[in-house]
Amino acid sequence: MALKFAVSVVQSEEQDYSQGEAPASITILNNHYRTDGVLSVWACLEPELALNESQKNLIISAAEAGDFGEWTSDQGVQLNFALESILQQAGGDDEKAYDRT
């Protein structure tokens, strides 16, 4: 899963993000709008939040629901549905969905 990779990259960085010290510039690419990809981008943009244990479990659960149809937590499934609804509201257009996120 892209999300587990993104979280592992964020964890491997030896920077202290707790003081808002993010890199001066960063480029993050994702070629489609799905829960796993959206949350991977979010994890890279918000590493301090993504590494919080409860947040990490929630976003992994949501990604599992979106990618594999796994129901590992009610909250994860709800987050997946919320992110999928953004794509539906954008008429299935990935670019418009990212603009809404």
N, C-alpha and C. Protein backbone atom coordinates (compact mmCIF):
# COMPACT_ATOMS: atom_id res chain seq x y z
N MET A 1 0.83 -1.18 0.00
CA MET A 1 0.00 0.00 0.00
C MET A 1 0.87 1.25 0.00
N ALA A 2 0.46 2.20 -0.77
CA ALA A 2 1.19 3.46 -0.85
C ALA A 2 1.24 4.16 0.50
N LEU A 3 0.18 4.06 1.27
CA LEU A 3 0.13 4.74 2.55
C LEU A 3 1.18 4.19 3.52
N LYS A 4 1.32 2.88 3.59
CA LYS A 4 2.31 2.31 4.50
C LYS A 4 3.71 2.73 4.08
N PHE A 5 3.94 2.84 2.77
CA PHE A 5 5.22 3.33 2.28
C PHE A 5 5.44 4.78 2.70
N ALA A 6 4.44 5.61 2.50
CA ALA A 6 4.56 7.03 2.86
C ALA A 6 4.82 7.20 4.35
N VAL A 7 4.12 6.45 5.19
CA VAL A 7 4.33 6.54 6.63
C VAL A 7 5.73 6.07 6.98
N SER A 8 6.21 5.02 6.32
CA SER A 8 7.56 4.54 6.63
C SER A 8 8.61 5.57 6.21
N VAL A 9 8.38 6.28 5.09
CA VAL A 9 9.31 7.33 4.67
C VAL A 9 9.32 8.45 5.70
N VAL A 10 8.15 8.86 6.13
CA VAL A 10 8.04 9.93 7.13
C VAL A 10 8.73 9.50 8.42
N GLN A 11 8.54 8.24 8.83
CA GLN A 11 9.16 7.75 10.06
C GLN A 11 10.68 7.71 9.93
N SER A 12 11.19 7.41 8.74
CA SER A 12 12.63 7.27 8.55
C SER A 12 13.35 8.61 8.53
N GLU A 13 12.62 9.69 8.24
CA GLU A 13 13.22 11.02 8.27
C GLU A 13 13.63 11.35 9.70
N GLU A 14 14.80 11.86 9.87
CA GLU A 14 15.28 12.17 11.21
C GLU A 14 15.06 13.64 11.55
N GLN A 15 13.99 14.20 11.06
CA GLN A 15 13.68 15.60 11.35
C GLN A 15 12.65 15.66 12.47
N ASP A 16 12.69 16.73 13.21
CA ASP A 16 11.71 16.96 14.26
C ASP A 16 10.59 17.81 13.69
N TYR A 17 9.48 17.16 13.34
CA TYR A 17 8.36 17.86 12.75
C TYR A 17 7.48 18.52 13.80
N SER A 18 7.75 18.25 15.09
CA SER A 18 6.88 18.78 16.13
C SER A 18 6.94 20.31 16.21
N GLN A 19 7.98 20.91 15.70
CA GLN A 19 8.09 22.37 15.70
C GLN A 19 7.73 22.96 14.34
N GLY A 20 7.09 22.15 13.49
CA GLY A 20 6.68 22.63 12.17
C GLY A 20 7.84 22.79 11.20
N GLU A 21 8.94 22.08 11.45
CA GLU A 21 10.11 22.19 10.60
C GLU A 21 10.00 21.22 9.42
N ALA A 22 9.29 21.61 8.41
CA ALA A 22 9.14 20.80 7.21
C ALA A 22 10.19 21.25 6.19
N PRO A 23 10.47 20.41 5.21
CA PRO A 23 11.42 20.81 4.17
C PRO A 23 10.96 22.10 3.49
N ALA A 24 11.91 22.86 2.97
CA ALA A 24 11.59 24.13 2.30
C ALA A 24 10.68 23.91 1.10
N SER A 25 10.90 22.84 0.37
CA SER A 25 10.02 22.53 -0.75
C SER A 25 9.89 21.02 -0.86
N ILE A 26 8.76 20.61 -1.34
CA ILE A 26 8.50 19.19 -1.48
C ILE A 26 7.53 19.00 -2.64
N THR A 27 7.74 17.94 -3.39
CA THR A 27 6.84 17.60 -4.48
C THR A 27 6.26 16.22 -4.19
N ILE A 28 4.96 16.13 -4.20
CA ILE A 28 4.27 14.87 -3.95
C ILE A 28 3.35 14.61 -5.12
N LEU A 29 3.46 13.43 -5.71
CA LEU A 29 2.64 13.09 -6.87
C LEU A 29 1.78 11.87 -6.58
N ASN A 30 0.59 11.88 -7.10
CA ASN A 30 -0.29 10.72 -7.05
C ASN A 30 -1.10 10.75 -8.33
N ASN A 31 -1.18 9.64 -9.03
CA ASN A 31 -1.80 9.66 -10.35
C ASN A 31 -3.30 9.35 -10.36
N HIS A 32 -3.90 9.18 -9.20
CA HIS A 32 -5.34 8.94 -9.15
C HIS A 32 -5.86 9.30 -7.77
N TYR A 33 -7.15 9.54 -7.69
CA TYR A 33 -7.78 9.91 -6.42
C TYR A 33 -8.46 8.67 -5.84
N ARG A 34 -7.81 8.06 -4.89
CA ARG A 34 -8.39 6.97 -4.12
C ARG A 34 -7.91 7.16 -2.69
N THR A 35 -8.58 6.55 -1.75
CA THR A 35 -8.29 6.77 -0.34
C THR A 35 -6.82 6.57 0.00
N ASP A 36 -6.24 5.48 -0.46
CA ASP A 36 -4.85 5.18 -0.14
C ASP A 36 -3.91 6.28 -0.63
N GLY A 37 -4.11 6.73 -1.86
CA GLY A 37 -3.26 7.77 -2.41
C GLY A 37 -3.46 9.12 -1.74
N VAL A 38 -4.71 9.47 -1.49
CA VAL A 38 -5.02 10.75 -0.82
C VAL A 38 -4.37 10.78 0.56
N LEU A 39 -4.50 9.70 1.30
CA LEU A 39 -3.94 9.66 2.64
C LEU A 39 -2.41 9.58 2.62
N SER A 40 -1.84 9.03 1.57
CA SER A 40 -0.38 9.02 1.42
C SER A 40 0.14 10.45 1.25
N VAL A 41 -0.54 11.20 0.40
CA VAL A 41 -0.16 12.60 0.20
C VAL A 41 -0.31 13.36 1.52
N TRP A 42 -1.43 13.14 2.21
CA TRP A 42 -1.67 13.80 3.49
C TRP A 42 -0.58 13.45 4.50
N ALA A 43 -0.17 12.17 4.56
CA ALA A 43 0.86 11.75 5.51
C ALA A 43 2.18 12.46 5.24
N CYS A 44 2.50 12.68 3.98
CA CYS A 44 3.73 13.39 3.63
C CYS A 44 3.63 14.88 3.96
N LEU A 45 2.45 15.45 3.80
CA LEU A 45 2.26 16.87 4.08
C LEU A 45 2.08 17.17 5.57
N GLU A 46 1.57 16.21 6.30
CA GLU A 46 1.30 16.38 7.73
C GLU A 46 1.96 15.25 8.54
N PRO A 47 3.29 15.15 8.49
CA PRO A 47 3.97 14.01 9.12
C PRO A 47 3.74 13.90 10.62
N GLU A 48 3.67 15.02 11.33
CA GLU A 48 3.47 14.95 12.77
C GLU A 48 2.12 14.30 13.09
N LEU A 49 1.09 14.69 12.37
CA LEU A 49 -0.23 14.10 12.59
C LEU A 49 -0.27 12.65 12.14
N ALA A 50 0.36 12.36 11.01
CA ALA A 50 0.33 11.00 10.47
C ALA A 50 1.04 10.00 11.38
N LEU A 51 2.03 10.46 12.12
CA LEU A 51 2.78 9.56 12.99
C LEU A 51 2.14 9.39 14.36
N ASN A 52 1.14 10.19 14.68
CA ASN A 52 0.39 10.00 15.91
C ASN A 52 -0.26 8.62 15.83
N GLU A 53 -0.07 7.81 16.85
CA GLU A 53 -0.48 6.40 16.79
C GLU A 53 -1.96 6.21 16.44
N SER A 54 -2.85 6.98 17.07
CA SER A 54 -4.27 6.80 16.77
C SER A 54 -4.59 7.27 15.35
N GLN A 55 -3.97 8.36 14.90
CA GLN A 55 -4.18 8.83 13.53
C GLN A 55 -3.63 7.82 12.53
N LYS A 56 -2.44 7.30 12.82
CA LYS A 56 -1.82 6.33 11.91
C LYS A 56 -2.72 5.10 11.75
N ASN A 57 -3.26 4.60 12.86
CA ASN A 57 -4.15 3.44 12.79
C ASN A 57 -5.41 3.76 12.00
N LEU A 58 -5.94 4.97 12.18
CA LEU A 58 -7.15 5.38 11.46
C LEU A 58 -6.90 5.46 9.96
N ILE A 59 -5.82 6.11 9.55
CA ILE A 59 -5.61 6.29 8.12
C ILE A 59 -5.23 4.97 7.45
N ILE A 60 -4.54 4.09 8.16
CA ILE A 60 -4.24 2.76 7.59
C ILE A 60 -5.52 1.96 7.46
N SER A 61 -6.39 2.04 8.45
CA SER A 61 -7.68 1.35 8.39
C SER A 61 -8.52 1.86 7.22
N ALA A 62 -8.53 3.18 7.01
CA ALA A 62 -9.28 3.76 5.89
C ALA A 62 -8.71 3.30 4.56
N ALA A 63 -7.39 3.27 4.46
CA ALA A 63 -6.75 2.83 3.22
C ALA A 63 -7.05 1.36 2.94
N GLU A 64 -7.05 0.54 3.98
CA GLU A 64 -7.38 -0.88 3.81
C GLU A 64 -8.83 -1.04 3.35
N ALA A 65 -9.71 -0.22 3.88
CA ALA A 65 -11.12 -0.27 3.45
C ALA A 65 -11.24 0.11 1.99
N GLY A 66 -10.51 1.14 1.57
CA GLY A 66 -10.60 1.60 0.19
C GLY A 66 -9.93 0.67 -0.80
N ASP A 67 -8.75 0.16 -0.45
CA ASP A 67 -8.00 -0.68 -1.38
C ASP A 67 -8.49 -2.13 -1.42
N PHE A 68 -8.83 -2.67 -0.26
CA PHE A 68 -9.09 -4.11 -0.17
C PHE A 68 -10.49 -4.46 0.31
N GLY A 69 -11.31 -3.46 0.60
CA GLY A 69 -12.64 -3.75 1.12
C GLY A 69 -12.60 -4.34 2.52
N GLU A 70 -11.52 -4.08 3.25
CA GLU A 70 -11.36 -4.59 4.62
C GLU A 70 -12.08 -3.68 5.60
N TRP A 71 -12.74 -4.27 6.57
CA TRP A 71 -13.44 -3.50 7.60
C TRP A 71 -12.69 -3.70 8.91
N THR A 72 -11.57 -2.98 9.07
CA THR A 72 -10.76 -3.15 10.27
C THR A 72 -11.19 -2.22 11.40
N SER A 73 -11.92 -1.17 11.06
CA SER A 73 -12.51 -0.31 12.10
C SER A 73 -13.66 0.48 11.48
N ASP A 74 -14.65 0.78 12.30
CA ASP A 74 -15.79 1.57 11.83
C ASP A 74 -15.32 2.94 11.35
N GLN A 75 -14.42 3.56 12.11
CA GLN A 75 -13.94 4.90 11.76
C GLN A 75 -13.16 4.89 10.45
N GLY A 76 -12.38 3.84 10.23
CA GLY A 76 -11.64 3.73 8.97
C GLY A 76 -12.57 3.63 7.77
N VAL A 77 -13.61 2.84 7.91
CA VAL A 77 -14.59 2.70 6.82
C VAL A 77 -15.31 4.03 6.60
N GLN A 78 -15.64 4.74 7.67
CA GLN A 78 -16.31 6.04 7.54
C GLN A 78 -15.41 7.05 6.84
N LEU A 79 -14.12 7.07 7.19
CA LEU A 79 -13.20 7.98 6.53
C LEU A 79 -13.06 7.63 5.05
N ASN A 80 -12.99 6.35 4.74
CA ASN A 80 -12.94 5.93 3.33
C ASN A 80 -14.17 6.41 2.58
N PHE A 81 -15.35 6.21 3.16
CA PHE A 81 -16.58 6.66 2.50
C PHE A 81 -16.58 8.17 2.29
N ALA A 82 -16.09 8.90 3.29
CA ALA A 82 -16.06 10.37 3.18
C ALA A 82 -15.14 10.79 2.03
N LEU A 83 -13.98 10.17 1.93
CA LEU A 83 -13.05 10.53 0.85
C LEU A 83 -13.59 10.09 -0.51
N GLU A 84 -14.23 8.93 -0.57
CA GLU A 84 -14.83 8.48 -1.83
C GLU A 84 -15.97 9.40 -2.26
N SER A 85 -16.70 9.95 -1.30
CA SER A 85 -17.81 10.83 -1.65
C SER A 85 -17.31 12.12 -2.30
N ILE A 86 -16.11 12.55 -1.93
CA ILE A 86 -15.53 13.74 -2.57
C ILE A 86 -15.32 13.47 -4.06
N LEU A 87 -14.82 12.27 -4.39
CA LEU A 87 -14.63 11.91 -5.80
C LEU A 87 -15.97 11.84 -6.52
N GLN A 88 -16.97 11.28 -5.88
CA GLN A 88 -18.30 11.20 -6.49
C GLN A 88 -18.87 12.59 -6.74
N GLN A 89 -18.70 13.50 -5.78
CA GLN A 89 -19.20 14.86 -5.94
C GLN A 89 -18.47 15.60 -7.05
N ALA A 90 -17.25 15.16 -7.34
CA ALA A 90 -16.47 15.77 -8.41
C ALA A 90 -16.75 15.10 -9.75
N GLY A 91 -17.78 14.27 -9.79
CA GLY A 91 -18.16 13.61 -11.03
C GLY A 91 -17.13 12.59 -11.51
N GLY A 92 -16.34 12.05 -10.57
CA GLY A 92 -15.33 11.06 -10.93
C GLY A 92 -14.06 11.65 -11.49
N ASP A 93 -13.96 12.97 -11.50
CA ASP A 93 -12.79 13.66 -12.02
C ASP A 93 -11.73 13.77 -10.92
N ASP A 94 -10.62 13.05 -11.08
CA ASP A 94 -9.57 13.02 -10.06
C ASP A 94 -9.05 14.40 -9.71
N GLU A 95 -8.78 15.21 -10.71
CA GLU A 95 -8.22 16.55 -10.48
C GLU A 95 -9.17 17.42 -9.68
N LYS A 96 -10.45 17.39 -10.05
CA LYS A 96 -11.44 18.18 -9.30
C LYS A 96 -11.57 17.67 -7.87
N ALA A 97 -11.48 16.35 -7.69
CA ALA A 97 -11.57 15.78 -6.34
C ALA A 97 -10.42 16.27 -5.47
N TYR A 98 -9.21 16.29 -6.03
CA TYR A 98 -8.07 16.80 -5.25
C TYR A 98 -8.25 18.27 -4.92
N ASP A 99 -8.85 19.02 -5.81
CA ASP A 99 -9.09 20.44 -5.53
C ASP A 99 -10.05 20.60 -4.35
N ARG A 100 -10.96 19.65 -4.18
CA ARG A 100 -11.94 19.71 -3.08
C ARG A 100 -11.38 19.22 -1.76
N THR A 101 -10.30 18.45 -1.80
CA THR A 101 -9.76 17.82 -0.59
C THR A 101 -8.93 18.78 0.20
